[in-house]
Protein backbone atom coordinates (compact mmCIF):
# COMPACT_ATOMS: atom_id res chain seq x y z
CA MET A 1 120.18 135.14 11.05
CA LYS A 2 119.45 136.65 7.81
CA GLN A 3 115.64 136.55 6.07
CA GLU A 4 117.21 136.23 2.66
CA TYR A 5 119.10 133.04 3.58
CA GLU A 6 115.31 131.35 3.35
CA ASN A 7 115.27 132.58 -0.25
CA ILE A 8 117.91 130.84 -1.45
CA ASP A 9 117.43 127.46 -3.05
CA VAL A 10 119.19 125.24 -1.66
CA LYS A 11 117.97 122.14 -3.66
CA ASN A 12 120.33 124.30 -7.22
CA GLU A 13 122.48 121.85 -7.95
CA LYS A 14 124.74 124.07 -8.59
CA VAL A 15 123.58 126.31 -4.74
CA ASP A 16 124.33 122.77 -3.44
CA ARG A 17 127.90 122.73 -5.16
CA ILE A 18 128.43 126.50 -3.35
CA ILE A 19 127.76 125.15 -0.53
CA ARG A 20 129.88 121.92 0.02
CA ALA A 21 132.68 123.40 -1.79
CA ALA A 22 132.28 126.20 1.23
CA PHE A 23 132.32 124.10 3.60
CA GLU A 24 135.38 122.18 2.48
CA VAL A 25 137.16 125.20 2.56
CA PHE A 26 135.94 126.78 5.03
CA ALA A 27 136.40 123.75 7.63
CA THR A 28 140.40 123.15 6.00
CA ASN A 29 141.39 126.86 5.95
CA ASP A 30 142.02 129.65 8.97
CA LEU A 31 138.97 132.13 8.18
CA GLU A 32 141.32 134.71 6.75
CA LYS A 33 142.85 132.17 4.57
CA ALA A 34 139.55 130.93 2.85
CA SER A 35 139.11 132.00 0.08
CA THR A 36 136.36 132.71 -2.36
CA ASN A 37 138.28 131.51 -5.66
CA SER A 38 138.81 128.62 -3.67
CA VAL A 39 135.14 128.18 -3.49
CA VAL A 40 133.90 129.01 -6.82
CA LYS A 41 136.66 127.33 -8.44
CA GLN A 42 135.98 123.64 -6.30
CA ALA A 43 132.41 124.37 -7.14
CA GLY A 44 133.14 124.97 -10.58
CA ILE A 45 130.97 127.83 -11.13
CA SER A 46 131.42 131.41 -12.15
CA ARG A 47 132.39 133.73 -9.67
CA GLY A 48 129.03 136.09 -10.95
CA LEU A 49 127.20 133.32 -9.90
CA LEU A 50 128.94 133.37 -6.61
CA TYR A 51 128.44 136.87 -5.69
CA HIS A 52 124.35 136.60 -7.35
CA TYR A 53 124.28 134.97 -3.77
CA PHE A 54 126.40 135.77 -1.64
CA LYS A 55 127.38 139.49 -1.17
CA ASP A 56 130.84 138.50 0.01
CA LYS A 57 132.45 136.14 1.84
CA GLN A 58 131.66 137.05 5.26
CA ASP A 59 127.64 136.79 4.23
CA LEU A 60 128.99 133.08 2.64
CA PHE A 61 130.29 132.27 5.59
CA ASP A 62 127.28 133.78 7.77
CA PHE A 63 124.54 131.46 5.56
CA LEU A 64 126.69 128.39 6.33
CA VAL A 65 126.46 128.96 10.14
CA TYR A 66 122.30 129.40 9.80
CA PHE A 67 122.64 126.76 7.32
CA SER A 68 124.68 124.03 9.20
CA ILE A 69 121.52 125.07 12.44
CA LYS A 70 118.77 124.95 10.38
CA GLU A 71 119.82 121.46 8.49
CA ILE A 72 120.26 119.34 11.93
CA VAL A 73 117.19 121.31 13.44
CA THR A 74 115.14 120.41 10.51
CA ALA A 75 116.35 116.73 10.42
CA MET A 76 115.18 116.90 13.99
CA GLU A 77 111.81 117.88 13.56
CA GLU A 78 111.34 115.84 10.52
CA LYS A 79 113.12 112.35 11.65
CA ILE A 80 112.57 112.22 14.89
CA ASP A 81 109.57 109.06 16.18
CA TRP A 82 107.96 112.07 18.42
CA GLN A 83 105.28 109.29 20.05
CA ASP A 84 108.44 107.32 20.78
CA THR A 85 108.43 107.78 24.53
CA ASP A 86 111.78 105.91 25.44
CA TYR A 87 114.39 108.73 26.07
CA LEU A 88 117.35 106.50 24.90
CA ASN A 89 115.70 106.20 21.92
CA ARG A 90 115.20 109.55 21.06
CA ILE A 91 118.62 110.50 21.49
CA ARG A 92 119.58 108.03 19.10
CA GLN A 93 117.46 109.09 16.59
CA ALA A 94 118.56 112.87 16.66
CA ILE A 95 121.97 111.42 16.47
CA ALA A 96 121.17 108.97 13.58
CA HIS A 97 119.71 112.20 11.68
CA LYS A 98 122.50 114.02 12.47
CA PHE A 99 124.48 112.08 11.08
CA GLU A 100 122.46 111.32 7.66
CA VAL A 101 122.69 115.33 7.16
CA MET A 102 127.02 114.98 7.97
CA ASP A 103 127.14 112.17 5.00
CA ARG A 104 125.48 114.89 2.43
CA TYR A 105 127.59 117.65 3.69
CA PRO A 106 131.23 115.88 5.14
CA TYR A 107 132.71 118.90 6.11
CA MET A 108 129.62 120.61 8.30
CA MET A 109 130.81 119.04 10.85
CA ASP A 110 134.55 119.87 10.91
CA PHE A 111 133.05 123.73 10.16
CA PHE A 112 130.38 123.66 12.59
CA ASP A 113 133.70 122.31 15.39
CA LYS A 114 135.97 124.92 13.90
CA TYR A 115 133.68 127.82 13.80
CA SER A 116 131.06 126.96 16.89
CA ARG A 117 133.77 128.00 19.79
CA GLU A 118 133.54 131.35 18.56
CA MET A 119 130.17 132.17 18.73
CA THR A 120 128.99 131.38 22.11
CA THR A 121 126.06 128.74 23.45
CA SER A 122 123.37 131.46 23.82
CA GLY A 123 123.85 132.54 20.20
CA ILE A 124 123.64 129.54 18.56
CA ARG A 125 121.25 128.45 20.98
CA ASN A 126 119.10 131.78 19.74
CA GLN A 127 119.46 130.45 16.62
CA VAL A 128 118.32 127.28 16.85
CA GLU A 129 114.97 128.55 18.62
CA LYS A 130 114.43 131.17 16.05
CA ILE A 131 114.15 128.49 13.28
CA SER A 132 112.34 126.50 15.34
CA PRO A 133 111.13 127.74 18.27
CA GLY A 134 110.69 125.04 21.18
CA ILE A 135 112.60 122.47 19.07
CA SER A 136 115.46 122.37 22.09
CA ASP A 137 112.59 121.41 25.08
CA LYS A 138 110.49 119.07 22.73
CA VAL A 139 113.67 116.90 21.69
CA PHE A 140 114.62 116.53 25.71
CA THR A 141 111.17 116.78 27.21
CA HIS A 142 108.70 116.12 24.93
CA ASN A 143 106.40 112.89 25.62
CA LEU A 144 109.47 111.22 27.03
CA ASP A 145 109.34 108.66 29.80
CA PHE A 146 112.37 108.75 31.99
CA SER A 147 111.09 105.92 34.58
CA ARG A 148 113.45 103.69 33.16
CA VAL A 149 116.42 106.09 33.27
CA LYS A 150 118.34 106.81 36.79
CA PRO A 151 118.29 109.56 38.78
């Protein structure tokens, strides 16, 4: 993913409105019909502000893919109790934190479900690994006791 995406201040209230509106617009429309005009209107911002952050609709779309992966991965890194050795607790924690992210961005999962089919599994995995190297293995193997899980 693009390096400049990390420089976008997602805590900025207007950027947050853009993200929320864009998730909804892309999730409820086909990519061709998703309109930056709809994002601008729904976010209550000027068109110029949208283009200050994103060069075009594709750039905004690419950012949403990056952002959704980063939010979920970051939540897992920060919120999972890595000292808990129970495998089922680890999975439960990962899912709970994923839902917390989805609560903040209600259309994120719809967006990701809709468009992730177009991305390869290896492409998503590569992005996850770029954002947080080793996180996939860490979630499913680090400090876990599998003695209570049947083979």
